[in-house]
Structure formats: C-alpha cells, structure tokens
C-alpha cells in the first residue's frame, strides 16, 4: 500500500468568511501566520527551512466566488510544490471553516513521509495561530 502523499486539515474561525478570505487572499499576510515564510510579495517568497533561507517563485490562484486560494511554489531546482485551500461559510452564517490541502513537498520519495509528517504538525500550529489572529 502506498503512503498518503497529502494531508487535509481544517479549522473553524469565528470571523466572517469575507474577513477570513480577504486576509488569506493577500499574499503579504502569509508570514503573519505561516511559520515557513518570512517575506512574500506578488510573485515570490522567502522560505525558512531547516537548511536555511530559500527564495521561491509563488503564484496564488485566487477565486473569490469559490472561496479558494491555491498556491503553486517553484523551488530553486525547478521542482513544484502545491497547496490548496478554501474558505467556506459555516452553517451559523457568522463563522468560517478554513480547509487546507497540504501536498507532499517535492522531495525524494524516501523522504516524503518524514517531511510530510513534520509539515502536518506545523500546519496544525499555523491554523491555530491564524484563528487567533482573525478572531481578534
């Protein structure tokens, strides 16, 4: 059986879906809640990795009507990383559910499980931090 090469996490945020989406759709807000990013502009990001800083290409595909923010990251070696997220109105109409699909990073197959596991734990912390920012 093949190991899962993705992780899906979500969190309820007690803020309007519009507020949550607006914050997340602004690329320069990424360093405020995502630990791995220290600088972000419209086309690139500076990532903090265990091996040091790394400049990557970053394209965000944003669809306000669907509530989606998908990120395509081009690593210095040309490999591609992807992440997919969505802001959904909760049934109460006053809060939002933010879901995030974390794809395994573009690393050799034998490293995916350990690397993905580390990223899953980091994402869980980041979502809690995001919630605290948006519920202020």
N, C-alpha and C. Protein backbone atom coordinates (compact mmCIF):
# COMPACT_ATOMS: atom_id res chain seq x y z
N UNK A 1 0.83 -1.19 0.00
CA UNK A 1 0.00 0.00 0.00
C UNK A 1 0.88 1.25 0.00
N UNK A 2 0.53 2.21 -0.80
CA UNK A 2 1.29 3.43 -0.92
C UNK A 2 0.93 4.38 0.23
N UNK A 3 1.96 5.05 0.76
CA UNK A 3 1.72 6.04 1.81
C UNK A 3 0.97 7.22 1.23
N UNK A 4 0.12 7.83 2.05
CA UNK A 4 -0.62 9.02 1.64
C UNK A 4 0.38 10.15 1.41
N UNK A 5 0.23 10.86 0.30
CA UNK A 5 1.15 11.95 -0.02
C UNK A 5 0.51 13.32 0.14
N UNK A 6 -0.50 13.40 1.01
CA UNK A 6 -1.18 14.66 1.28
C UNK A 6 -1.77 14.62 2.68
N UNK A 7 -2.19 15.79 3.14
CA UNK A 7 -2.87 15.90 4.43
C UNK A 7 -3.93 17.00 4.28
N UNK A 8 -5.10 16.77 4.87
CA UNK A 8 -6.17 17.76 4.84
C UNK A 8 -6.49 18.15 6.28
N UNK A 9 -6.46 19.46 6.55
CA UNK A 9 -6.80 19.96 7.87
C UNK A 9 -7.77 21.12 7.72
N UNK A 10 -8.55 21.34 8.76
CA UNK A 10 -9.48 22.47 8.73
C UNK A 10 -9.63 23.03 10.14
N UNK A 11 -10.14 24.25 10.18
CA UNK A 11 -10.37 24.90 11.47
C UNK A 11 -11.56 25.86 11.33
N UNK A 12 -12.37 25.94 12.38
CA UNK A 12 -13.45 26.91 12.40
C UNK A 12 -12.89 28.21 12.95
N UNK A 13 -13.19 29.30 12.26
CA UNK A 13 -12.71 30.62 12.67
C UNK A 13 -13.93 31.50 12.92
N UNK A 14 -14.02 32.04 14.13
CA UNK A 14 -15.15 32.88 14.49
C UNK A 14 -14.95 34.30 13.95
N UNK A 15 -15.02 34.37 12.63
CA UNK A 15 -14.96 35.62 11.88
C UNK A 15 -15.74 35.38 10.60
N UNK A 16 -16.20 36.44 9.98
CA UNK A 16 -16.98 36.25 8.75
C UNK A 16 -16.12 35.63 7.66
N UNK A 17 -16.72 34.85 6.78
CA UNK A 17 -15.96 34.28 5.67
C UNK A 17 -15.28 35.37 4.83
N UNK A 18 -15.93 36.51 4.69
CA UNK A 18 -15.36 37.61 3.91
C UNK A 18 -14.06 38.11 4.55
N UNK A 19 -14.07 38.25 5.87
CA UNK A 19 -12.87 38.72 6.58
C UNK A 19 -11.75 37.69 6.44
N UNK A 20 -12.07 36.43 6.63
CA UNK A 20 -11.07 35.36 6.55
C UNK A 20 -10.49 35.31 5.13
N UNK A 21 -11.35 35.32 4.12
CA UNK A 21 -10.88 35.23 2.74
C UNK A 21 -10.00 36.43 2.38
N UNK A 22 -10.45 37.61 2.75
CA UNK A 22 -9.68 38.82 2.43
C UNK A 22 -8.27 38.75 3.02
N UNK A 23 -8.15 38.30 4.25
CA UNK A 23 -6.84 38.18 4.90
C UNK A 23 -5.98 37.15 4.17
N UNK A 24 -6.56 35.99 3.90
CA UNK A 24 -5.79 34.91 3.28
C UNK A 24 -5.43 35.18 1.82
N UNK A 25 -6.27 35.93 1.11
CA UNK A 25 -6.03 36.21 -0.30
C UNK A 25 -4.92 37.23 -0.51
N UNK A 26 -4.53 37.92 0.54
CA UNK A 26 -3.45 38.91 0.45
C UNK A 26 -2.12 38.19 0.71
N UNK A 27 -1.30 37.99 -0.33
CA UNK A 27 -0.07 37.21 -0.17
C UNK A 27 0.86 37.72 0.92
N UNK A 28 0.91 39.04 1.11
CA UNK A 28 1.84 39.58 2.11
C UNK A 28 1.43 39.25 3.55
N UNK A 29 0.24 38.71 3.75
CA UNK A 29 -0.17 38.27 5.09
C UNK A 29 0.37 36.89 5.45
N UNK A 30 0.87 36.16 4.47
CA UNK A 30 1.35 34.80 4.72
C UNK A 30 2.37 34.70 5.86
N UNK A 31 3.38 35.57 5.92
CA UNK A 31 4.34 35.48 7.03
C UNK A 31 3.74 35.74 8.41
N UNK A 32 2.55 36.36 8.46
CA UNK A 32 1.91 36.64 9.75
C UNK A 32 1.39 35.39 10.42
N UNK A 33 1.12 34.34 9.62
CA UNK A 33 0.56 33.13 10.22
C UNK A 33 1.27 31.84 9.81
N UNK A 34 2.00 31.83 8.72
CA UNK A 34 2.68 30.62 8.26
C UNK A 34 4.16 30.68 8.63
N UNK A 35 4.57 29.78 9.49
CA UNK A 35 5.92 29.81 10.05
C UNK A 35 7.04 29.73 9.02
N UNK A 36 6.82 29.04 7.92
CA UNK A 36 7.88 28.81 6.94
C UNK A 36 8.19 29.98 6.03
N UNK A 37 7.42 31.05 6.13
CA UNK A 37 7.61 32.17 5.21
C UNK A 37 8.01 33.42 5.98
N UNK A 38 9.07 34.10 5.52
CA UNK A 38 9.49 35.32 6.20
C UNK A 38 9.23 36.56 5.36
N UNK A 39 9.20 36.44 4.04
CA UNK A 39 8.91 37.57 3.16
C UNK A 39 8.10 37.05 1.99
N UNK A 40 7.07 37.79 1.59
CA UNK A 40 6.24 37.39 0.46
C UNK A 40 5.83 38.63 -0.32
N UNK A 41 5.90 38.53 -1.65
CA UNK A 41 5.33 39.57 -2.49
C UNK A 41 4.41 38.90 -3.50
N UNK A 42 4.06 39.57 -4.56
CA UNK A 42 3.09 39.03 -5.51
C UNK A 42 3.59 37.83 -6.31
N UNK A 43 4.92 37.66 -6.42
CA UNK A 43 5.45 36.60 -7.29
C UNK A 43 6.50 35.70 -6.65
N UNK A 44 6.91 36.02 -5.43
CA UNK A 44 7.95 35.21 -4.80
C UNK A 44 7.82 35.22 -3.28
N UNK A 45 8.58 34.33 -2.67
CA UNK A 45 8.57 34.24 -1.21
C UNK A 45 9.95 33.81 -0.74
N UNK A 46 10.28 34.21 0.46
CA UNK A 46 11.49 33.75 1.12
C UNK A 46 11.05 32.74 2.16
N UNK A 47 11.45 31.49 1.98
CA UNK A 47 11.08 30.42 2.90
C UNK A 47 12.20 30.17 3.88
N UNK A 48 11.80 29.88 5.11
CA UNK A 48 12.74 29.49 6.16
C UNK A 48 12.68 27.97 6.25
N UNK A 49 13.78 27.31 5.98
CA UNK A 49 13.82 25.85 6.03
C UNK A 49 14.85 25.40 7.05
N UNK A 50 14.84 24.13 7.43
CA UNK A 50 15.87 23.64 8.36
C UNK A 50 17.28 23.82 7.78
N UNK A 51 17.39 23.93 6.47
CA UNK A 51 18.70 24.10 5.82
C UNK A 51 19.02 25.55 5.48
N UNK A 52 18.20 26.49 5.97
CA UNK A 52 18.45 27.91 5.70
C UNK A 52 17.34 28.54 4.89
N UNK A 53 17.57 29.78 4.44
CA UNK A 53 16.57 30.51 3.68
C UNK A 53 16.63 30.12 2.21
N UNK A 54 15.45 30.17 1.57
CA UNK A 54 15.36 29.78 0.17
C UNK A 54 14.33 30.67 -0.52
N UNK A 55 14.74 31.32 -1.61
CA UNK A 55 13.83 32.15 -2.41
C UNK A 55 13.10 31.25 -3.40
N UNK A 56 11.76 31.34 -3.42
CA UNK A 56 10.96 30.53 -4.33
C UNK A 56 10.03 31.42 -5.15
N UNK A 57 9.60 30.90 -6.28
CA UNK A 57 8.55 31.55 -7.04
C UNK A 57 7.21 31.19 -6.41
N UNK A 58 6.29 32.13 -6.38
CA UNK A 58 4.99 31.88 -5.76
C UNK A 58 3.89 32.48 -6.62
N UNK A 59 2.96 31.62 -7.02
CA UNK A 59 1.79 32.06 -7.76
C UNK A 59 0.57 31.63 -6.96
N UNK A 60 -0.28 32.58 -6.63
CA UNK A 60 -1.54 32.28 -5.94
C UNK A 60 -2.68 32.42 -6.94
N UNK A 61 -3.48 31.38 -7.03
CA UNK A 61 -4.66 31.39 -7.89
C UNK A 61 -5.86 31.60 -6.97
N UNK A 62 -6.45 32.78 -7.06
CA UNK A 62 -7.48 33.19 -6.11
C UNK A 62 -8.82 33.28 -6.81
N UNK A 63 -9.83 32.62 -6.24
CA UNK A 63 -11.18 32.67 -6.79
C UNK A 63 -12.12 33.05 -5.65
N UNK A 64 -12.47 34.33 -5.60
CA UNK A 64 -13.30 34.83 -4.51
C UNK A 64 -14.67 34.15 -4.47
N UNK A 65 -15.28 33.95 -5.63
CA UNK A 65 -16.62 33.34 -5.68
C UNK A 65 -16.61 31.92 -5.09
N UNK A 66 -15.56 31.16 -5.38
CA UNK A 66 -15.45 29.80 -4.87
C UNK A 66 -14.81 29.75 -3.48
N UNK A 67 -14.19 30.85 -3.07
CA UNK A 67 -13.52 30.89 -1.77
C UNK A 67 -12.19 30.16 -1.75
N UNK A 68 -11.56 30.00 -2.93
CA UNK A 68 -10.33 29.20 -2.99
C UNK A 68 -9.09 30.07 -3.16
N UNK A 69 -8.02 29.58 -2.54
CA UNK A 69 -6.70 30.18 -2.67
C UNK A 69 -5.74 29.01 -2.86
N UNK A 70 -5.26 28.85 -4.08
CA UNK A 70 -4.34 27.76 -4.40
C UNK A 70 -2.97 28.36 -4.64
N UNK A 71 -1.94 27.69 -4.13
CA UNK A 71 -0.58 28.20 -4.25
C UNK A 71 0.29 27.22 -5.02
N UNK A 72 1.02 27.76 -5.98
CA UNK A 72 1.99 26.99 -6.74
C UNK A 72 3.35 27.58 -6.43
N UNK A 73 4.24 26.76 -5.88
CA UNK A 73 5.55 27.21 -5.45
C UNK A 73 6.63 26.56 -6.29
N UNK A 74 7.48 27.37 -6.92
CA UNK A 74 8.58 26.86 -7.74
C UNK A 74 9.87 26.97 -6.95
N UNK A 75 10.47 25.82 -6.66
CA UNK A 75 11.69 25.76 -5.88
C UNK A 75 12.89 26.15 -6.75
N UNK A 76 14.01 26.49 -6.11
CA UNK A 76 15.20 26.88 -6.89
C UNK A 76 15.66 25.81 -7.89
N UNK A 77 15.41 24.55 -7.58
CA UNK A 77 15.83 23.48 -8.50
C UNK A 77 14.80 23.22 -9.60
N UNK A 78 13.72 24.01 -9.62
CA UNK A 78 12.70 23.86 -10.64
C UNK A 78 11.54 22.95 -10.26
N UNK A 79 11.66 22.25 -9.13
CA UNK A 79 10.57 21.39 -8.70
C UNK A 79 9.40 22.25 -8.22
N UNK A 80 8.21 21.67 -8.25
CA UNK A 80 6.99 22.40 -7.95
C UNK A 80 6.32 21.84 -6.69
N UNK A 81 5.93 22.74 -5.80
CA UNK A 81 5.14 22.39 -4.62
C UNK A 81 3.77 23.03 -4.76
N UNK A 82 2.75 22.38 -4.22
CA UNK A 82 1.38 22.90 -4.34
C UNK A 82 0.65 22.81 -3.01
N UNK A 83 -0.23 23.77 -2.79
CA UNK A 83 -1.12 23.77 -1.62
C UNK A 83 -2.45 24.35 -2.07
N UNK A 84 -3.53 23.79 -1.54
CA UNK A 84 -4.87 24.20 -1.96
C UNK A 84 -5.70 24.51 -0.71
N UNK A 85 -6.39 25.65 -0.72
CA UNK A 85 -7.18 25.99 0.46
C UNK A 85 -8.50 26.63 0.06
N UNK A 86 -9.42 26.59 1.02
CA UNK A 86 -10.77 27.09 0.76
C UNK A 86 -11.37 27.67 2.03
N UNK A 87 -12.05 28.79 1.88
CA UNK A 87 -12.82 29.40 2.97
C UNK A 87 -14.29 29.13 2.67
N UNK A 88 -14.96 28.52 3.64
CA UNK A 88 -16.37 28.17 3.48
C UNK A 88 -17.18 28.79 4.60
N UNK A 89 -18.35 29.31 4.28
CA UNK A 89 -19.24 29.83 5.32
C UNK A 89 -19.76 28.67 6.15
N UNK A 90 -19.68 28.81 7.47
CA UNK A 90 -20.23 27.79 8.35
C UNK A 90 -21.75 27.95 8.40
N UNK A 91 -22.45 26.93 8.85
CA UNK A 91 -23.91 26.95 8.86
C UNK A 91 -24.50 28.08 9.70
N UNK A 92 -23.73 28.59 10.66
CA UNK A 92 -24.25 29.67 11.51
C UNK A 92 -24.26 31.02 10.79
N UNK A 93 -23.58 31.11 9.64
CA UNK A 93 -23.52 32.35 8.88
C UNK A 93 -22.62 33.41 9.47
N UNK A 94 -22.01 33.12 10.63
CA UNK A 94 -21.18 34.11 11.32
C UNK A 94 -19.71 33.70 11.40
N UNK A 95 -19.42 32.47 11.04
CA UNK A 95 -18.05 32.00 11.13
C UNK A 95 -17.67 31.29 9.83
N UNK A 96 -16.39 30.99 9.72
CA UNK A 96 -15.87 30.37 8.51
C UNK A 96 -15.12 29.10 8.85
N UNK A 97 -15.17 28.16 7.94
CA UNK A 97 -14.34 26.97 8.02
C UNK A 97 -13.23 27.16 6.99
N UNK A 98 -12.00 27.08 7.45
CA UNK A 98 -10.86 27.18 6.55
C UNK A 98 -10.27 25.78 6.42
N UNK A 99 -10.25 25.27 5.20
CA UNK A 99 -9.67 23.95 4.97
C UNK A 99 -8.44 24.08 4.09
N UNK A 100 -7.48 23.22 4.35
CA UNK A 100 -6.18 23.32 3.70
C UNK A 100 -5.73 21.94 3.28
N UNK A 101 -5.42 21.78 2.00
CA UNK A 101 -4.89 20.52 1.48
C UNK A 101 -3.39 20.72 1.30
N UNK A 102 -2.64 20.03 2.11
CA UNK A 102 -1.18 20.08 2.08
C UNK A 102 -0.68 18.90 1.26
N UNK A 103 -0.03 19.19 0.16
CA UNK A 103 0.54 18.14 -0.68
C UNK A 103 1.97 17.88 -0.21
N UNK A 104 2.43 16.64 -0.37
CA UNK A 104 3.80 16.32 0.00
C UNK A 104 4.75 17.23 -0.77
N UNK A 105 5.80 17.67 -0.13
CA UNK A 105 6.74 18.58 -0.80
C UNK A 105 7.51 17.84 -1.89
N UNK A 106 8.08 18.60 -2.83
CA UNK A 106 8.84 17.97 -3.90
C UNK A 106 10.22 17.52 -3.41
N UNK A 107 10.22 16.41 -2.69
CA UNK A 107 11.46 15.82 -2.18
C UNK A 107 11.52 14.38 -2.65
N UNK A 108 12.69 13.75 -2.56
CA UNK A 108 12.78 12.34 -2.97
C UNK A 108 11.78 11.48 -2.22
N UNK A 109 11.27 10.45 -2.89
CA UNK A 109 10.23 9.59 -2.36
C UNK A 109 10.52 9.08 -0.95
N UNK A 110 11.76 8.71 -0.69
CA UNK A 110 12.09 8.14 0.63
C UNK A 110 12.01 9.17 1.75
N UNK A 111 11.96 10.44 1.41
CA UNK A 111 11.88 11.49 2.43
C UNK A 111 10.46 12.02 2.63
N UNK A 112 9.52 11.66 1.75
CA UNK A 112 8.18 12.26 1.80
C UNK A 112 7.49 12.03 3.14
N UNK A 113 7.49 10.81 3.63
CA UNK A 113 6.75 10.51 4.85
C UNK A 113 7.21 11.37 6.02
N UNK A 114 8.50 11.43 6.26
CA UNK A 114 9.01 12.22 7.38
C UNK A 114 8.80 13.71 7.18
N UNK A 115 9.03 14.17 5.97
CA UNK A 115 8.87 15.59 5.67
C UNK A 115 7.41 16.00 5.77
N UNK A 116 6.52 15.18 5.21
CA UNK A 116 5.09 15.48 5.27
C UNK A 116 4.60 15.46 6.71
N UNK A 117 5.07 14.51 7.50
CA UNK A 117 4.66 14.43 8.91
C UNK A 117 5.05 15.71 9.65
N UNK A 118 6.26 16.20 9.41
CA UNK A 118 6.72 17.43 10.04
C UNK A 118 5.85 18.61 9.58
N UNK A 119 5.53 18.67 8.29
CA UNK A 119 4.72 19.76 7.77
C UNK A 119 3.29 19.70 8.30
N UNK A 120 2.75 18.50 8.51
CA UNK A 120 1.40 18.34 9.08
C UNK A 120 1.34 18.95 10.46
N UNK A 121 2.34 18.67 11.28
CA UNK A 121 2.37 19.22 12.63
C UNK A 121 2.49 20.74 12.60
N UNK A 122 3.31 21.24 11.71
CA UNK A 122 3.49 22.69 11.58
C UNK A 122 2.20 23.35 11.11
N UNK A 123 1.51 22.73 10.14
CA UNK A 123 0.25 23.28 9.64
C UNK A 123 -0.79 23.37 10.76
N UNK A 124 -0.87 22.35 11.60
CA UNK A 124 -1.83 22.37 12.71
C UNK A 124 -1.57 23.57 13.61
N UNK A 125 -0.31 23.85 13.90
CA UNK A 125 0.04 25.01 14.72
C UNK A 125 -0.30 26.32 14.00
N UNK A 126 -0.03 26.35 12.70
CA UNK A 126 -0.29 27.56 11.93
C UNK A 126 -1.78 27.88 11.88
N UNK A 127 -2.62 26.87 11.75
CA UNK A 127 -4.06 27.10 11.70
C UNK A 127 -4.58 27.67 13.02
N UNK A 128 -4.05 27.18 14.13
CA UNK A 128 -4.44 27.72 15.44
C UNK A 128 -3.99 29.18 15.54
N UNK A 129 -2.79 29.47 15.06
CA UNK A 129 -2.28 30.85 15.07
C UNK A 129 -3.14 31.75 14.18
N UNK A 130 -3.49 31.26 12.99
CA UNK A 130 -4.35 32.01 12.08
C UNK A 130 -5.68 32.35 12.74
N UNK A 131 -6.26 31.36 13.41
CA UNK A 131 -7.53 31.55 14.12
C UNK A 131 -7.39 32.67 15.15
N UNK A 132 -6.30 32.67 15.90
CA UNK A 132 -6.12 33.68 16.94
C UNK A 132 -5.98 35.07 16.33
N UNK A 133 -5.35 35.18 15.18
CA UNK A 133 -5.20 36.48 14.52
C UNK A 133 -6.57 37.01 14.05
N UNK A 134 -7.33 36.13 13.41
CA UNK A 134 -8.59 36.57 12.79
C UNK A 134 -9.74 36.73 13.77
N UNK A 135 -9.62 36.17 14.95
CA UNK A 135 -10.70 36.31 15.93
C UNK A 135 -10.50 37.50 16.86
N UNK A 136 -9.50 38.31 16.62
CA UNK A 136 -9.27 39.50 17.45
C UNK A 136 -10.28 40.56 17.16
